[in-house]
Structures are given as C-alpha cells and as structure tokens.
N, C-alpha and C. Protein backbone atom coordinates (compact mmCIF):
# COMPACT_ATOMS: atom_id res chain seq x y z
N MET A 1 0.84 -1.17 0.00
CA MET A 1 0.00 0.00 0.00
C MET A 1 0.89 1.24 0.00
N PRO A 2 0.65 2.21 -0.92
CA PRO A 2 1.48 3.41 -0.97
C PRO A 2 1.31 4.26 0.28
N ALA A 3 2.38 4.97 0.64
CA ALA A 3 2.33 5.86 1.81
C ALA A 3 1.40 7.03 1.50
N LEU A 4 0.70 7.49 2.52
CA LEU A 4 -0.17 8.64 2.36
C LEU A 4 0.66 9.90 2.25
N ALA A 5 0.21 10.82 1.42
CA ALA A 5 0.89 12.11 1.28
C ALA A 5 0.61 12.96 2.51
N ALA A 6 1.57 13.81 2.84
CA ALA A 6 1.38 14.70 3.98
C ALA A 6 2.13 15.99 3.75
N LEU A 7 1.59 17.07 4.30
CA LEU A 7 2.22 18.38 4.29
C LEU A 7 2.75 18.64 5.69
N CYS A 8 4.02 19.00 5.79
CA CYS A 8 4.61 19.37 7.08
C CYS A 8 4.81 20.87 7.12
N MET A 9 4.47 21.46 8.26
CA MET A 9 4.69 22.87 8.52
C MET A 9 5.61 22.96 9.72
N VAL A 10 6.71 23.71 9.57
CA VAL A 10 7.70 23.81 10.63
C VAL A 10 8.04 25.27 10.87
N ALA A 11 8.04 25.67 12.14
CA ALA A 11 8.47 27.01 12.55
C ALA A 11 9.14 26.86 13.90
N GLY A 12 10.43 27.11 13.95
CA GLY A 12 11.16 26.92 15.20
C GLY A 12 11.03 25.49 15.66
N ALA A 13 10.62 25.29 16.90
CA ALA A 13 10.47 23.95 17.47
C ALA A 13 9.10 23.34 17.16
N LEU A 14 8.22 24.11 16.51
CA LEU A 14 6.87 23.61 16.22
C LEU A 14 6.87 22.82 14.91
N HIS A 15 6.16 21.71 14.92
CA HIS A 15 6.07 20.85 13.73
C HIS A 15 4.66 20.28 13.65
N VAL A 16 3.99 20.51 12.52
CA VAL A 16 2.64 20.01 12.31
C VAL A 16 2.62 19.23 11.01
N SER A 17 1.98 18.08 11.01
CA SER A 17 1.85 17.27 9.81
C SER A 17 0.37 17.09 9.50
N LEU A 18 -0.01 17.39 8.25
CA LEU A 18 -1.40 17.25 7.81
C LEU A 18 -1.47 16.23 6.68
N PRO A 19 -2.32 15.21 6.80
CA PRO A 19 -2.43 14.20 5.74
C PRO A 19 -3.24 14.74 4.55
N VAL A 20 -2.55 15.34 3.58
CA VAL A 20 -3.22 15.90 2.41
C VAL A 20 -2.45 15.53 1.15
N GLN A 21 -3.15 15.44 0.04
CA GLN A 21 -2.50 15.22 -1.25
C GLN A 21 -2.40 16.52 -2.04
N SER A 22 -3.29 17.47 -1.71
CA SER A 22 -3.25 18.76 -2.40
C SER A 22 -3.76 19.84 -1.44
N PHE A 23 -3.35 21.07 -1.71
CA PHE A 23 -3.77 22.21 -0.90
C PHE A 23 -3.57 23.48 -1.70
N THR A 24 -4.21 24.54 -1.24
CA THR A 24 -4.02 25.87 -1.83
C THR A 24 -3.52 26.80 -0.74
N LEU A 25 -2.53 27.59 -1.08
CA LEU A 25 -1.99 28.60 -0.18
C LEU A 25 -2.46 29.95 -0.71
N ARG A 26 -3.12 30.76 0.15
CA ARG A 26 -3.64 32.07 -0.26
C ARG A 26 -3.09 33.15 0.65
N TRP A 27 -2.92 34.34 0.08
CA TRP A 27 -2.51 35.49 0.87
C TRP A 27 -2.87 36.76 0.12
N THR A 28 -2.86 37.88 0.82
CA THR A 28 -3.12 39.19 0.24
C THR A 28 -1.84 40.01 0.32
N HIS A 29 -1.44 40.57 -0.81
CA HIS A 29 -0.23 41.39 -0.86
C HIS A 29 -0.38 42.55 0.13
N SER A 30 0.63 42.76 0.96
CA SER A 30 0.52 43.72 2.06
C SER A 30 0.38 45.17 1.60
N ILE A 31 0.90 45.53 0.45
CA ILE A 31 0.82 46.90 -0.03
C ILE A 31 -0.31 47.07 -1.05
N GLU A 32 -0.32 46.22 -2.06
CA GLU A 32 -1.29 46.35 -3.15
C GLU A 32 -2.68 45.81 -2.81
N LYS A 33 -2.78 45.02 -1.73
CA LYS A 33 -4.06 44.43 -1.29
C LYS A 33 -4.70 43.56 -2.39
N ILE A 34 -3.87 42.83 -3.10
CA ILE A 34 -4.32 41.95 -4.17
C ILE A 34 -4.11 40.51 -3.73
N GLU A 35 -5.14 39.68 -3.94
CA GLU A 35 -5.07 38.28 -3.50
C GLU A 35 -4.26 37.42 -4.48
N TRP A 36 -3.40 36.61 -3.91
CA TRP A 36 -2.62 35.62 -4.66
C TRP A 36 -3.00 34.25 -4.11
N SER A 37 -2.91 33.24 -4.94
CA SER A 37 -3.07 31.87 -4.45
C SER A 37 -2.23 30.93 -5.29
N GLU A 38 -1.81 29.85 -4.67
CA GLU A 38 -1.01 28.83 -5.34
C GLU A 38 -1.58 27.46 -5.00
N ASP A 39 -1.79 26.64 -6.02
CA ASP A 39 -2.31 25.28 -5.85
C ASP A 39 -1.14 24.31 -5.87
N TYR A 40 -1.05 23.50 -4.83
CA TYR A 40 0.05 22.53 -4.71
C TYR A 40 -0.47 21.11 -4.62
N GLU A 41 0.37 20.19 -5.04
CA GLU A 41 0.16 18.76 -4.84
C GLU A 41 1.39 18.23 -4.10
N VAL A 42 1.19 17.29 -3.19
CA VAL A 42 2.29 16.65 -2.49
C VAL A 42 2.61 15.38 -3.28
N VAL A 43 3.82 15.33 -3.83
CA VAL A 43 4.23 14.21 -4.69
C VAL A 43 5.57 13.68 -4.18
N GLY A 44 5.53 12.52 -3.51
CA GLY A 44 6.76 11.99 -2.93
C GLY A 44 7.33 13.00 -1.94
N GLY A 45 8.60 13.34 -2.10
CA GLY A 45 9.25 14.31 -1.22
C GLY A 45 9.20 15.73 -1.76
N TRP A 46 8.31 15.99 -2.69
CA TRP A 46 8.25 17.30 -3.35
C TRP A 46 6.88 17.96 -3.20
N LEU A 47 6.88 19.29 -3.34
CA LEU A 47 5.65 20.05 -3.52
C LEU A 47 5.62 20.48 -4.98
N HIS A 48 4.53 20.17 -5.65
CA HIS A 48 4.37 20.53 -7.06
C HIS A 48 3.38 21.68 -7.16
N LEU A 49 3.87 22.84 -7.62
CA LEU A 49 3.03 24.02 -7.79
C LEU A 49 2.31 23.87 -9.13
N SER A 50 1.07 23.38 -9.07
CA SER A 50 0.35 23.07 -10.30
C SER A 50 -0.21 24.31 -10.99
N ARG A 51 -0.57 25.34 -10.22
CA ARG A 51 -1.11 26.57 -10.83
C ARG A 51 -1.08 27.68 -9.79
N ALA A 52 -0.90 28.91 -10.28
CA ALA A 52 -0.93 30.09 -9.42
C ALA A 52 -1.93 31.08 -9.99
N HIS A 53 -2.47 31.93 -9.11
CA HIS A 53 -3.51 32.88 -9.50
C HIS A 53 -3.25 34.24 -8.85
N ILE A 54 -3.47 35.31 -9.61
CA ILE A 54 -3.35 36.68 -9.10
C ILE A 54 -4.64 37.40 -9.47
N ARG A 55 -5.30 37.97 -8.48
CA ARG A 55 -6.57 38.67 -8.72
C ARG A 55 -6.33 40.15 -9.00
N GLY A 56 -5.51 40.44 -10.01
CA GLY A 56 -5.21 41.81 -10.40
C GLY A 56 -3.73 41.94 -10.65
N SER A 57 -3.25 43.15 -10.71
CA SER A 57 -1.82 43.39 -10.86
C SER A 57 -1.48 44.70 -10.17
N GLY A 58 -0.21 44.89 -9.93
CA GLY A 58 0.25 46.10 -9.26
C GLY A 58 1.75 46.21 -9.40
N ALA A 59 2.32 47.17 -8.73
CA ALA A 59 3.76 47.40 -8.82
C ALA A 59 4.53 46.14 -8.44
N GLY A 60 5.31 45.63 -9.38
CA GLY A 60 6.13 44.44 -9.13
C GLY A 60 5.33 43.16 -9.06
N MET A 61 4.09 43.19 -9.48
CA MET A 61 3.22 42.00 -9.36
C MET A 61 2.60 41.62 -10.70
N GLU A 62 3.29 41.89 -11.77
CA GLU A 62 2.75 41.58 -13.07
C GLU A 62 2.73 40.07 -13.28
N PRO A 63 1.69 39.56 -13.90
CA PRO A 63 1.65 38.13 -14.21
C PRO A 63 2.78 37.78 -15.17
N PRO A 64 3.35 36.59 -15.07
CA PRO A 64 4.46 36.22 -15.95
C PRO A 64 3.99 35.95 -17.38
N ASP A 65 4.93 35.88 -18.30
CA ASP A 65 4.62 35.52 -19.68
C ASP A 65 3.88 34.20 -19.70
N GLY A 66 2.89 34.11 -20.56
CA GLY A 66 2.12 32.87 -20.69
C GLY A 66 0.91 32.82 -19.77
N ALA A 67 0.74 33.82 -18.91
CA ALA A 67 -0.43 33.85 -18.01
C ALA A 67 -1.68 34.13 -18.83
N TRP A 68 -2.82 33.64 -18.34
CA TRP A 68 -4.09 33.90 -19.03
C TRP A 68 -5.06 34.52 -18.05
N LEU A 69 -5.91 35.41 -18.58
CA LEU A 69 -6.88 36.14 -17.78
C LEU A 69 -8.26 35.51 -17.98
N GLN A 70 -8.89 35.15 -16.86
CA GLN A 70 -10.23 34.57 -16.91
C GLN A 70 -11.02 35.10 -15.72
N ASP A 71 -12.15 35.74 -15.99
CA ASP A 71 -13.02 36.29 -14.94
C ASP A 71 -12.26 37.19 -13.98
N GLY A 72 -11.34 38.00 -14.50
CA GLY A 72 -10.61 38.96 -13.68
C GLY A 72 -9.44 38.38 -12.89
N VAL A 73 -9.11 37.12 -13.12
CA VAL A 73 -8.02 36.47 -12.40
C VAL A 73 -6.96 36.00 -13.39
N TRP A 74 -5.72 36.40 -13.14
CA TRP A 74 -4.61 35.90 -13.94
C TRP A 74 -4.19 34.54 -13.39
N SER A 75 -4.03 33.57 -14.25
CA SER A 75 -3.56 32.24 -13.85
C SER A 75 -2.32 31.90 -14.68
N TYR A 76 -1.44 31.11 -14.08
CA TYR A 76 -0.23 30.72 -14.82
C TYR A 76 0.37 29.45 -14.21
N ARG A 77 1.25 28.86 -14.97
CA ARG A 77 2.04 27.70 -14.52
C ARG A 77 3.51 28.06 -14.68
N LEU A 78 4.32 27.62 -13.75
CA LEU A 78 5.75 27.89 -13.81
C LEU A 78 6.46 26.86 -14.66
N ALA A 79 7.56 27.27 -15.29
CA ALA A 79 8.37 26.34 -16.08
C ALA A 79 8.98 25.28 -15.17
N ASP A 80 9.35 25.66 -13.94
CA ASP A 80 9.90 24.72 -12.97
C ASP A 80 9.00 24.73 -11.73
N PRO A 81 7.99 23.86 -11.68
CA PRO A 81 7.01 23.91 -10.59
C PRO A 81 7.38 23.09 -9.35
N TRP A 82 8.53 22.43 -9.34
CA TRP A 82 8.87 21.53 -8.24
C TRP A 82 9.63 22.26 -7.14
N ARG A 83 9.19 22.07 -5.89
CA ARG A 83 9.80 22.73 -4.74
C ARG A 83 10.05 21.69 -3.63
N ARG A 84 11.23 21.74 -3.05
CA ARG A 84 11.49 20.91 -1.86
C ARG A 84 10.81 21.52 -0.65
N GLU A 85 10.78 22.88 -0.62
CA GLU A 85 10.13 23.56 0.49
C GLU A 85 9.71 24.96 0.04
N VAL A 86 8.77 25.51 0.79
CA VAL A 86 8.30 26.87 0.57
C VAL A 86 8.44 27.60 1.89
N LEU A 87 9.16 28.73 1.89
CA LEU A 87 9.36 29.53 3.10
C LEU A 87 8.37 30.67 3.13
N LEU A 88 7.68 30.82 4.24
CA LEU A 88 6.67 31.86 4.40
C LEU A 88 7.09 32.82 5.51
N ALA A 89 7.40 34.06 5.14
CA ALA A 89 7.68 35.09 6.13
C ALA A 89 6.32 35.56 6.66
N ARG A 90 6.16 35.58 7.96
CA ARG A 90 4.87 35.95 8.55
C ARG A 90 5.07 37.10 9.52
N SER A 91 4.03 37.92 9.65
CA SER A 91 4.12 39.11 10.49
C SER A 91 2.77 39.38 11.15
N PRO A 92 2.79 39.87 12.38
CA PRO A 92 1.53 40.24 13.03
C PRO A 92 0.91 41.50 12.44
N TYR A 93 1.62 42.18 11.54
CA TYR A 93 1.15 43.45 10.99
C TYR A 93 0.36 43.29 9.69
N VAL A 94 0.28 42.09 9.16
CA VAL A 94 -0.50 41.83 7.94
C VAL A 94 -1.33 40.56 8.14
N ALA A 95 -2.34 40.40 7.31
CA ALA A 95 -3.17 39.19 7.40
C ALA A 95 -2.31 37.96 7.17
N ASP A 96 -2.62 36.91 7.90
CA ASP A 96 -1.87 35.66 7.80
C ASP A 96 -2.18 34.95 6.48
N TYR A 97 -1.31 34.05 6.10
CA TYR A 97 -1.58 33.16 4.97
C TYR A 97 -2.78 32.30 5.32
N GLU A 98 -3.49 31.85 4.29
CA GLU A 98 -4.56 30.88 4.48
C GLU A 98 -4.17 29.58 3.81
N LEU A 99 -4.49 28.49 4.47
CA LEU A 99 -4.28 27.16 3.92
C LEU A 99 -5.64 26.57 3.63
N CYS A 100 -5.86 26.20 2.37
CA CYS A 100 -7.15 25.63 1.95
C CYS A 100 -6.96 24.16 1.63
N ILE A 101 -7.75 23.35 2.27
CA ILE A 101 -7.75 21.90 2.03
C ILE A 101 -9.17 21.56 1.60
N GLY A 102 -9.31 21.13 0.35
CA GLY A 102 -10.65 20.97 -0.20
C GLY A 102 -11.28 22.34 -0.27
N ALA A 103 -12.51 22.47 0.17
CA ALA A 103 -13.22 23.76 0.13
C ALA A 103 -13.07 24.55 1.42
N ARG A 104 -12.32 24.03 2.39
CA ARG A 104 -12.21 24.70 3.69
C ARG A 104 -10.87 25.43 3.82
N CYS A 105 -10.95 26.74 4.09
CA CYS A 105 -9.76 27.57 4.25
C CYS A 105 -9.68 28.07 5.69
N SER A 106 -8.46 28.06 6.22
CA SER A 106 -8.22 28.54 7.58
C SER A 106 -6.90 29.29 7.60
N PRO A 107 -6.78 30.30 8.47
CA PRO A 107 -5.48 30.96 8.62
C PRO A 107 -4.44 29.94 9.07
N LEU A 108 -3.22 30.13 8.61
CA LEU A 108 -2.13 29.24 9.00
C LEU A 108 -1.96 29.21 10.52
N SER A 109 -2.36 30.31 11.18
CA SER A 109 -2.25 30.39 12.64
C SER A 109 -3.13 29.36 13.35
N ARG A 110 -4.02 28.71 12.64
CA ARG A 110 -4.79 27.60 13.24
C ARG A 110 -3.84 26.49 13.69
N TRP A 111 -2.73 26.34 12.97
CA TRP A 111 -1.78 25.27 13.28
C TRP A 111 -0.47 25.79 13.87
N ILE A 112 0.02 26.91 13.35
CA ILE A 112 1.31 27.48 13.79
C ILE A 112 1.09 28.97 14.05
N PRO A 113 1.35 29.45 15.26
CA PRO A 113 1.12 30.88 15.52
C PRO A 113 2.04 31.77 14.69
N VAL A 114 1.55 32.95 14.34
CA VAL A 114 2.34 33.91 13.58
C VAL A 114 3.64 34.24 14.32
N ALA A 115 3.56 34.33 15.65
CA ALA A 115 4.74 34.68 16.46
C ALA A 115 5.86 33.65 16.36
N ALA A 116 5.58 32.47 15.84
CA ALA A 116 6.62 31.45 15.67
C ALA A 116 7.61 31.83 14.58
N GLY A 117 7.26 32.80 13.75
CA GLY A 117 8.18 33.32 12.73
C GLY A 117 8.05 32.59 11.40
N THR A 118 9.14 32.65 10.64
CA THR A 118 9.16 32.04 9.31
C THR A 118 8.70 30.59 9.40
N THR A 119 7.79 30.24 8.51
CA THR A 119 7.22 28.90 8.50
C THR A 119 7.61 28.20 7.21
N THR A 120 8.08 26.99 7.32
CA THR A 120 8.50 26.20 6.16
C THR A 120 7.44 25.15 5.87
N LEU A 121 7.03 25.07 4.60
CA LEU A 121 6.13 24.02 4.13
C LEU A 121 6.97 23.03 3.33
N ARG A 122 6.75 21.73 3.56
CA ARG A 122 7.44 20.71 2.78
C ARG A 122 6.62 19.42 2.81
N ALA A 123 6.92 18.55 1.87
CA ALA A 123 6.30 17.23 1.88
C ALA A 123 6.94 16.40 2.98
N CYS A 124 6.13 15.54 3.59
CA CYS A 124 6.70 14.65 4.62
C CYS A 124 5.96 13.32 4.65
C-alpha cells in the first residue's frame, strides 16, 4: 500500500503534519491588497506548484509571460514547478496566509502561531 501524502509545517520547534495530497496557499499582498493563491500537490518528497492565480496586478506584481486572464483572475504555470520547500515570512502586521484543504480555508495560525516566525512548508 502506498504511503499517504502529507504536508509538514515547521516554525522553530513547532512541527505540524497534515495528511493531504493537495492544498491551496492564499494570501493578500501587504501593499497592493491583491489576492494571490497557489495550488500545490504533495508528490513523494516534493511540492508541485500546479497553478498560481493573481486577482489583479500592481507594482512588481505583473503576471508572468504565458499567463491567461479569466473572470478577472490571472492564472499561470511555472516552467519549474517543483519545490522541496516553501518559506513563508509571517508578520503580526498583515493578514496571515490561508491554507485551503478541499473547500475549507483557515489561517495558517490555526496550526502554527504567527509569532513562531518564518514557517516552512514541505512534503513529509
């Protein structure tokens, strides 16, 4: 039987493991107030960024070449979508990242407090 996929979140001494095969990471740009989201799959020891979305554009936030606009949202795929880990800088001065599993989204602080600092996402 194949091992179940899991997402690990680590910040300092805190470690949380969630049994998921896919998830979406959402956040709002702190200056431009534009929502971004990234869809990931957990594949072996990797995170695969299957698609990213930007709900607008702003200074330094232009969609990359090859992006397509649908219903006011820019979507794109990266040429190199494989990541060993994703580092998230977090601050009490801006809205926290949201982690969406299926149709349910919750602030990352549900599992790891913002005060724990930089949070690393990786497959585990």
